[in-house]
Amino acid sequence: MRARLVPILIEIGLIAASAADIWVDLWSDHPVAVASGVVACAALMLRRRFPLAVVLLTIPAALLEAALVAPCVALYTLAERSRNRVLLTVCVVLAAIASAAPSPLESDAAPIDDSVVYFVYALATVVLPVLLGQLVLTRHDLSQRLDEIEEVKEHERVLHAQAILAQERAQLAREMHDVVSHQVSLIAVQAGALQVSADTPATREAARTIRSLSVGTLDELRTMVTLLRASGDDITQLTPQPTLADLCTLIANSGIEVDLTGDLTMTVGTPRQRAIYRTVQEALTNVRKHAPGAAATVDLWRDGKFVGVTVTNGPPSRPSLPLPGAHQGLIGLQERADLLSGTLESGPTGDGGYRVRMRLPVDTD
């Protein structure tokens, strides 16, 4: 309740301050001048939705009634939401001219020298809320970038931990296969030989039991070695592998505006589907890291004996972050394409975006 009430009170306070500013220093009681002041104060209610229009609506009040608070509030709101420096400069100059120029409703015009002095003073006054708004906008952008950096670092930590885990599992699998399995195999062989050459039934039964247990242990070890060697970069081979049908979920969770085209049900072999999925996954990850705010298109296509995907993104809407990376993503995709006798093309587009295109021969295995 309090969170909703505070913004409303702020809006009421700003409108009241703007009205008091005009009322206390009322330059003219002409109906047009009074109407401009009323319009300026009322327009502040829409400053967050239409900041540029509100700035333009407050400028007449600055010219006819020497209004100061309303134009400054409108300029601050525009500067807090716009990165267009040219637009902000034009609005500042217009507001300063309106504040310094004599009212057309007054007959006695101020001397030119006085108007120049008033213009400099007005320019210095209206620049302040613009600088403050830009400062707030920059702080907001920095906060977003810090959050993105933290997300990327957390992702890198997870990948590093997974890589270490996969390496340890592979090393453990090698040790179990080369040492433990070898020794248990020798035990099974020796127990079989003892079972054949033993003189007493008790000895033969003991040898048979040892051999049976050794064979069972070998089977368990082979299963464990298979499980350990099944570990991949971020997913085991025992886990269901991604297909074209999983692209919708991948795109929905990417946090990027993506336009998906193509047939998700086309008949393609599982290795090709997995390669296409990984291409889209890597491309969207790169868009998020290197082209923040950019939209992307994912186009699945089939051309005769070839099938593929093209991922294209536009230019970033804000500067990209200097994020750390091993630059292995595209190399991994190239290796996937080579294994499947396909090709991978990647590079910048003419409009400042980037395109990744994988082309694979059709295989419906």
Protein backbone atom coordinates (compact mmCIF):
# COMPACT_ATOMS: atom_id res chain seq x y z
CA MET A 1 0.00 0.00 0.00
CA ARG A 2 2.79 2.38 0.92
CA ALA A 3 4.71 1.53 -2.26
CA ARG A 4 1.71 2.64 -4.33
CA LEU A 5 0.97 5.72 -2.26
CA VAL A 6 4.47 7.26 -2.40
CA PRO A 7 4.59 7.73 -6.22
CA ILE A 8 1.10 9.27 -6.16
CA LEU A 9 2.14 11.73 -3.46
CA ILE A 10 5.26 12.63 -5.44
CA GLU A 11 3.19 13.37 -8.54
CA ILE A 12 0.75 15.51 -6.54
CA GLY A 13 3.64 17.38 -4.92
CA LEU A 14 5.31 18.12 -8.26
CA ILE A 15 2.08 19.35 -9.81
CA ALA A 16 1.38 21.52 -6.74
CA ALA A 17 4.91 22.94 -6.84
CA SER A 18 4.54 23.75 -10.54
CA ALA A 19 1.19 25.47 -9.96
CA ALA A 20 2.60 27.45 -7.03
CA ASP A 21 5.59 28.50 -9.16
CA ILE A 22 3.27 29.93 -11.80
CA TRP A 23 0.81 31.44 -9.32
CA VAL A 24 3.39 33.21 -7.15
CA ASP A 25 5.19 34.77 -10.10
CA LEU A 26 2.21 35.30 -12.39
CA TRP A 27 3.52 37.35 -15.29
CA SER A 28 0.30 37.74 -17.18
CA ASP A 29 -3.38 37.25 -16.50
CA HIS A 30 -4.11 36.90 -20.19
CA PRO A 31 -6.38 33.89 -20.81
CA VAL A 32 -3.87 32.31 -23.20
CA ALA A 33 -1.06 32.64 -20.65
CA VAL A 34 -3.19 31.22 -17.85
CA ALA A 35 -4.28 28.34 -20.10
CA SER A 36 -0.65 27.54 -20.92
CA GLY A 37 0.11 27.29 -17.20
CA VAL A 38 -2.87 25.02 -16.58
CA VAL A 39 -1.87 22.79 -19.50
CA ALA A 40 1.72 22.58 -18.27
CA CYS A 41 0.66 21.53 -14.77
CA ALA A 42 -1.91 19.03 -16.04
CA ALA A 43 0.54 17.55 -18.55
CA LEU A 44 2.87 16.50 -15.72
CA MET A 45 0.44 13.69 -14.89
CA LEU A 46 1.44 12.03 -18.19
CA ARG A 47 5.18 12.73 -18.01
CA ARG A 48 6.16 9.09 -17.48
CA ARG A 49 4.17 7.81 -20.46
CA PHE A 50 4.78 10.66 -22.91
CA PRO A 51 7.90 12.52 -21.70
CA LEU A 52 8.69 14.30 -24.98
CA ALA A 53 5.13 15.51 -25.47
CA VAL A 54 5.02 16.81 -21.89
CA VAL A 55 8.25 18.78 -22.46
CA LEU A 56 6.72 20.42 -25.51
CA LEU A 57 3.53 21.22 -23.58
CA THR A 58 5.43 22.95 -20.76
CA ILE A 59 7.52 25.19 -23.02
CA PRO A 60 4.64 27.64 -23.76
CA ALA A 61 4.19 28.13 -20.01
CA ALA A 62 7.89 29.01 -19.74
CA LEU A 63 7.42 31.61 -22.48
CA LEU A 64 4.13 33.15 -21.36
CA GLU A 65 4.24 32.72 -17.57
CA ALA A 66 7.96 32.27 -16.86
CA ALA A 67 7.24 28.80 -15.49
CA LEU A 68 10.35 27.05 -14.21
CA VAL A 69 9.35 24.01 -12.16
CA ALA A 70 7.13 22.34 -14.79
CA PRO A 71 9.71 22.48 -17.64
CA CYS A 72 12.48 21.26 -15.33
CA VAL A 73 10.40 18.32 -14.14
CA ALA A 74 9.49 17.44 -17.72
CA LEU A 75 13.13 17.68 -18.87
CA TYR A 76 14.30 15.48 -15.99
CA THR A 77 11.75 12.82 -16.88
CA LEU A 78 12.78 12.87 -20.55
CA ALA A 79 16.50 12.68 -19.68
CA GLU A 80 15.82 9.78 -17.32
CA ARG A 81 14.32 7.75 -20.17
CA SER A 82 16.10 8.84 -23.36
CA ARG A 83 19.69 8.26 -24.54
CA ASN A 84 19.22 10.55 -27.55
CA ARG A 85 21.66 13.37 -26.80
CA VAL A 86 20.58 15.38 -29.85
CA LEU A 87 16.95 15.33 -28.76
CA LEU A 88 17.87 16.36 -25.22
CA THR A 89 20.03 19.21 -26.50
CA VAL A 90 17.22 20.53 -28.70
CA CYS A 91 14.75 20.40 -25.81
CA VAL A 92 17.18 22.21 -23.49
CA VAL A 93 17.77 24.98 -26.02
CA LEU A 94 14.05 25.38 -26.67
CA ALA A 95 13.29 25.58 -22.95
CA ALA A 96 16.09 28.12 -22.40
CA ILE A 97 14.88 30.28 -25.30
CA ALA A 98 11.32 30.16 -24.03
CA SER A 99 12.44 31.18 -20.55
CA ALA A 100 14.66 34.04 -21.78
CA ALA A 101 12.51 35.43 -24.61
CA PRO A 102 10.01 38.18 -23.84
CA SER A 103 6.37 37.15 -23.81
CA PRO A 104 4.59 37.94 -27.10
CA LEU A 105 1.57 38.97 -25.00
CA GLU A 106 3.54 41.79 -23.38
CA SER A 107 4.05 45.06 -25.24
CA ASP A 108 7.31 46.12 -23.57
CA ALA A 109 10.09 43.85 -24.82
CA ALA A 110 13.33 43.49 -22.91
CA PRO A 111 16.58 44.77 -24.45
CA ILE A 112 18.66 42.35 -26.49
CA ASP A 113 21.52 42.41 -23.97
CA ASP A 114 19.16 41.50 -21.16
CA SER A 115 17.68 38.67 -23.23
CA VAL A 116 21.16 37.21 -23.80
CA VAL A 117 21.88 37.29 -20.07
CA TYR A 118 18.50 35.71 -19.35
CA PHE A 119 19.21 33.02 -21.94
CA VAL A 120 22.53 32.06 -20.34
CA TYR A 121 20.90 31.94 -16.92
CA ALA A 122 17.96 29.90 -18.22
CA LEU A 123 20.28 27.53 -20.10
CA ALA A 124 22.28 26.85 -16.96
CA THR A 125 19.05 26.25 -15.05
CA VAL A 126 17.40 23.79 -17.44
CA VAL A 127 20.63 21.86 -18.03
CA LEU A 128 20.74 20.76 -14.39
CA PRO A 129 17.64 18.50 -14.44
CA VAL A 130 18.81 16.98 -17.73
CA LEU A 131 22.21 16.13 -16.25
CA LEU A 132 20.52 14.68 -13.18
CA GLY A 133 18.20 12.56 -15.33
CA GLN A 134 21.12 11.26 -17.39
CA LEU A 135 22.96 10.41 -14.18
CA VAL A 136 20.00 8.37 -12.93
CA LEU A 137 19.72 6.61 -16.31
CA THR A 138 23.44 5.78 -16.30
CA ARG A 139 23.18 4.42 -12.78
CA HIS A 140 20.29 2.21 -13.84
CA ASP A 141 22.26 0.91 -16.83
CA LEU A 142 25.27 0.16 -14.65
CA SER A 143 23.08 -1.73 -12.21
CA GLN A 144 21.71 -3.85 -15.04
CA ARG A 145 25.19 -4.53 -16.38
CA LEU A 146 26.42 -5.59 -12.95
CA ASP A 147 23.51 -8.01 -12.69
CA GLU A 148 24.34 -9.41 -16.12
CA ILE A 149 28.00 -9.79 -15.19
CA GLU A 150 27.04 -11.67 -12.04
CA GLU A 151 24.80 -13.98 -14.05
CA VAL A 152 27.60 -14.67 -16.53
CA LYS A 153 30.12 -15.28 -13.76
CA GLU A 154 27.73 -17.69 -12.05
CA HIS A 155 27.23 -19.50 -15.36
CA GLU A 156 30.99 -19.69 -15.86
CA ARG A 157 31.41 -21.10 -12.34
CA VAL A 158 28.80 -23.76 -13.02
CA LEU A 159 30.47 -24.72 -16.31
CA HIS A 160 33.87 -24.85 -14.63
CA ALA A 161 32.53 -27.06 -11.85
CA GLN A 162 30.89 -29.35 -14.41
CA ALA A 163 34.13 -29.57 -16.40
CA ILE A 164 36.10 -30.50 -13.28
CA LEU A 165 33.48 -33.08 -12.32
CA ALA A 166 33.56 -34.61 -15.80
CA GLN A 167 37.35 -34.76 -15.71
CA GLU A 168 37.36 -36.44 -12.31
CA ARG A 169 34.72 -38.93 -13.40
CA ALA A 170 36.71 -39.78 -16.52
CA GLN A 171 39.87 -40.26 -14.47
CA LEU A 172 38.01 -42.44 -11.98
CA ALA A 173 36.58 -44.51 -14.83
CA ARG A 174 40.07 -45.07 -16.24
CA GLU A 175 41.43 -46.13 -12.86
CA MET A 176 38.55 -48.54 -12.29
CA HIS A 177 38.94 -50.03 -15.76
CA ASP A 178 42.72 -50.26 -15.83
CA VAL A 179 43.38 -51.32 -12.23
CA VAL A 180 40.35 -52.67 -10.42
CA SER A 181 38.75 -54.46 -13.38
CA HIS A 182 42.08 -55.98 -14.35
CA GLN A 183 42.71 -57.32 -10.88
CA VAL A 184 39.18 -58.69 -10.46
CA SER A 185 39.53 -60.39 -13.84
CA LEU A 186 42.70 -62.11 -12.64
CA ILE A 187 40.88 -63.21 -9.51
CA ALA A 188 38.08 -64.70 -11.62
CA VAL A 189 40.58 -66.54 -13.87
CA GLN A 190 42.54 -67.91 -10.94
CA ALA A 191 39.35 -68.99 -9.20
CA GLY A 192 38.23 -70.82 -12.37
CA ALA A 193 41.56 -72.62 -12.61
CA LEU A 194 41.38 -73.59 -8.94
CA GLN A 195 37.84 -74.88 -9.42
CA VAL A 196 39.02 -77.20 -12.19
CA SER A 197 42.15 -78.48 -10.42
CA ALA A 198 40.89 -78.71 -6.85
CA ASP A 199 40.99 -82.16 -5.18
CA THR A 200 38.20 -81.74 -2.64
CA PRO A 201 34.55 -80.74 -3.18
CA ALA A 202 34.82 -78.03 -0.51
CA THR A 203 37.75 -76.42 -2.33
CA ARG A 204 35.94 -76.59 -5.66
CA GLU A 205 32.83 -75.04 -4.12
CA ALA A 206 34.86 -72.22 -2.58
CA ALA A 207 36.61 -71.58 -5.91
CA ARG A 208 33.25 -71.59 -7.69
CA THR A 209 31.89 -69.07 -5.21
CA ILE A 210 34.93 -66.81 -5.65
CA ARG A 211 34.67 -67.03 -9.41
CA SER A 212 30.94 -66.28 -9.36
CA LEU A 213 31.41 -63.26 -7.10
CA SER A 214 34.27 -62.00 -9.24
CA VAL A 215 32.22 -62.24 -12.42
CA GLY A 216 29.34 -60.37 -10.73
CA THR A 217 31.75 -57.73 -9.49
CA LEU A 218 33.14 -57.32 -13.02
CA ASP A 219 29.65 -56.75 -14.37
CA GLU A 220 29.00 -54.10 -11.72
CA LEU A 221 32.34 -52.43 -12.48
CA ARG A 222 31.58 -52.32 -16.21
CA THR A 223 28.23 -50.69 -15.47
CA MET A 224 29.87 -48.10 -13.20
CA VAL A 225 32.58 -47.35 -15.76
CA THR A 226 29.90 -46.85 -18.43
CA LEU A 227 28.02 -44.45 -16.16
CA LEU A 228 31.14 -42.47 -15.33
CA ARG A 229 32.22 -42.19 -18.97
CA ALA A 230 28.77 -41.05 -19.99
CA SER A 231 29.38 -37.60 -18.48
CA GLY A 232 29.46 -34.72 -20.96
CA ASP A 233 29.99 -30.98 -20.78
CA ASP A 234 26.66 -30.18 -19.18
CA ILE A 235 24.49 -33.26 -19.70
CA THR A 236 25.04 -37.02 -19.53
CA GLN A 237 24.34 -39.39 -22.39
CA LEU A 238 21.86 -41.18 -20.16
CA THR A 239 19.71 -38.05 -20.05
CA PRO A 240 17.28 -37.61 -22.98
CA GLN A 241 19.09 -35.64 -25.66
CA PRO A 242 17.51 -32.42 -26.99
CA THR A 243 15.56 -32.49 -30.24
CA LEU A 244 13.93 -29.93 -32.50
CA ALA A 245 10.80 -30.11 -30.36
CA ASP A 246 12.81 -28.70 -27.43
CA LEU A 247 13.68 -25.51 -29.32
CA CYS A 248 10.49 -23.79 -28.14
CA THR A 249 11.46 -24.32 -24.50
CA LEU A 250 15.02 -23.19 -25.19
CA ILE A 251 13.82 -19.98 -26.85
CA ALA A 252 11.22 -19.29 -24.16
CA ASN A 253 13.92 -19.51 -21.46
CA SER A 254 16.55 -17.51 -23.36
CA GLY A 255 15.37 -14.08 -22.16
CA ILE A 256 15.67 -12.77 -25.73
CA GLU A 257 13.04 -11.66 -28.21
CA VAL A 258 13.23 -14.48 -30.76
CA ASP A 259 11.18 -15.15 -33.89
CA LEU A 260 11.16 -18.89 -34.70
CA THR A 261 10.29 -20.04 -38.22
CA GLY A 262 10.43 -23.46 -39.83
CA ASP A 263 9.01 -26.94 -39.32
CA LEU A 264 9.86 -28.43 -35.94
CA THR A 265 8.39 -31.80 -36.97
CA MET A 266 10.52 -32.42 -40.06
CA THR A 267 12.15 -35.84 -40.23
CA VAL A 268 15.81 -35.49 -39.32
CA GLY A 269 18.21 -37.91 -37.68
CA THR A 270 18.84 -37.54 -33.96
CA PRO A 271 22.50 -36.42 -34.33
CA ARG A 272 21.39 -33.68 -36.74
CA GLN A 273 18.63 -32.55 -34.42
CA ARG A 274 21.09 -32.37 -31.54
CA ALA A 275 23.58 -30.37 -33.63
CA ILE A 276 20.86 -27.91 -34.69
CA TYR A 277 19.71 -27.53 -31.08
CA ARG A 278 23.26 -26.83 -29.87
CA THR A 279 23.74 -24.29 -32.67
CA VAL A 280 20.65 -22.36 -31.60
CA GLN A 281 21.66 -22.64 -27.95
CA GLU A 282 25.18 -21.30 -28.55
CA ALA A 283 23.99 -18.54 -30.88
CA LEU A 284 21.38 -17.25 -28.42
CA THR A 285 23.93 -17.37 -25.62
CA ASN A 286 26.26 -15.22 -27.70
CA VAL A 287 23.43 -12.79 -28.46
CA ARG A 288 22.77 -12.37 -24.74
CA LYS A 289 26.47 -11.87 -23.96
CA HIS A 290 27.64 -9.77 -26.90
CA ALA A 291 24.50 -8.06 -28.24
CA PRO A 292 22.39 -7.07 -25.22
CA GLY A 293 18.89 -5.96 -26.10
CA ALA A 294 19.07 -7.30 -29.67
CA ALA A 295 16.26 -9.36 -31.19
CA ALA A 296 17.01 -12.62 -33.01
CA THR A 297 15.46 -14.86 -35.64
CA VAL A 298 15.83 -18.65 -35.77
CA ASP A 299 15.06 -20.13 -39.18
CA LEU A 300 14.89 -23.92 -39.59
CA TRP A 301 15.10 -24.92 -43.24
CA ARG A 302 15.42 -27.92 -45.52
CA ASP A 303 16.81 -27.67 -49.03
CA GLY A 304 16.84 -30.92 -50.96
CA LYS A 305 19.44 -33.18 -49.40
CA PHE A 306 20.47 -30.64 -46.80
CA VAL A 307 18.94 -29.39 -43.59
CA GLY A 308 20.07 -26.59 -41.33
CA VAL A 309 19.37 -23.60 -39.17
CA THR A 310 20.20 -19.91 -39.47
CA VAL A 311 20.30 -17.71 -36.37
CA THR A 312 20.50 -13.98 -37.03
CA ASN A 313 20.45 -11.15 -34.52
CA GLY A 314 20.27 -7.41 -34.98
CA PRO A 315 22.64 -4.81 -33.54
CA PRO A 316 22.72 -4.37 -29.76
CA SER A 317 20.57 -1.66 -28.23
CA ARG A 318 23.25 -0.84 -25.67
CA PRO A 319 27.02 -1.37 -25.43
CA SER A 320 28.05 -4.98 -24.91
CA LEU A 321 29.88 -6.07 -21.80
CA PRO A 322 33.56 -7.16 -21.76
CA LEU A 323 32.60 -10.64 -20.62
CA PRO A 324 35.19 -13.39 -20.11
CA GLY A 325 35.06 -16.45 -22.31
CA ALA A 326 37.22 -19.19 -23.82
CA HIS A 327 35.87 -18.59 -27.35
CA GLN A 328 35.23 -22.34 -27.71
CA GLY A 329 31.52 -22.19 -28.54
CA LEU A 330 31.83 -21.69 -32.30
CA ILE A 331 34.80 -24.05 -32.40
CA GLY A 332 32.65 -26.75 -30.82
CA LEU A 333 29.89 -26.11 -33.35
CA GLN A 334 32.41 -26.35 -36.18
CA GLU A 335 33.57 -29.71 -34.83
CA ARG A 336 29.96 -30.92 -34.68
CA ALA A 337 29.44 -29.84 -38.28
CA ASP A 338 32.64 -31.59 -39.39
CA LEU A 339 31.64 -34.85 -37.68
CA LEU A 340 28.32 -34.78 -39.54
CA SER A 341 29.93 -33.80 -42.90
CA GLY A 342 28.31 -30.38 -42.73
CA THR A 343 29.44 -26.76 -42.74
CA LEU A 344 29.23 -23.88 -40.30
CA GLU A 345 29.29 -20.23 -41.33
CA SER A 346 29.37 -17.30 -38.94
CA GLY A 347 30.09 -13.62 -39.21
CA PRO A 348 28.75 -10.08 -38.82
CA THR A 349 25.89 -8.74 -40.92
CA GLY A 350 25.70 -5.44 -42.72
CA ASP A 351 23.41 -3.82 -40.13
CA GLY A 352 25.75 -4.51 -37.20
CA GLY A 353 24.24 -7.84 -36.19
CA TYR A 354 25.60 -11.39 -36.42
CA ARG A 355 24.61 -14.56 -38.28
CA VAL A 356 25.34 -18.23 -37.55
CA ARG A 357 24.36 -20.82 -40.18
CA MET A 358 24.80 -24.61 -39.90
CA ARG A 359 24.19 -26.76 -42.99
CA LEU A 360 24.06 -30.56 -42.65
CA PRO A 361 23.35 -33.40 -45.10
CA VAL A 362 19.99 -35.04 -44.44
CA ASP A 363 20.27 -38.22 -42.41
CA THR A 364 17.13 -39.84 -41.05
CA ASP A 365 18.85 -42.58 -39.04
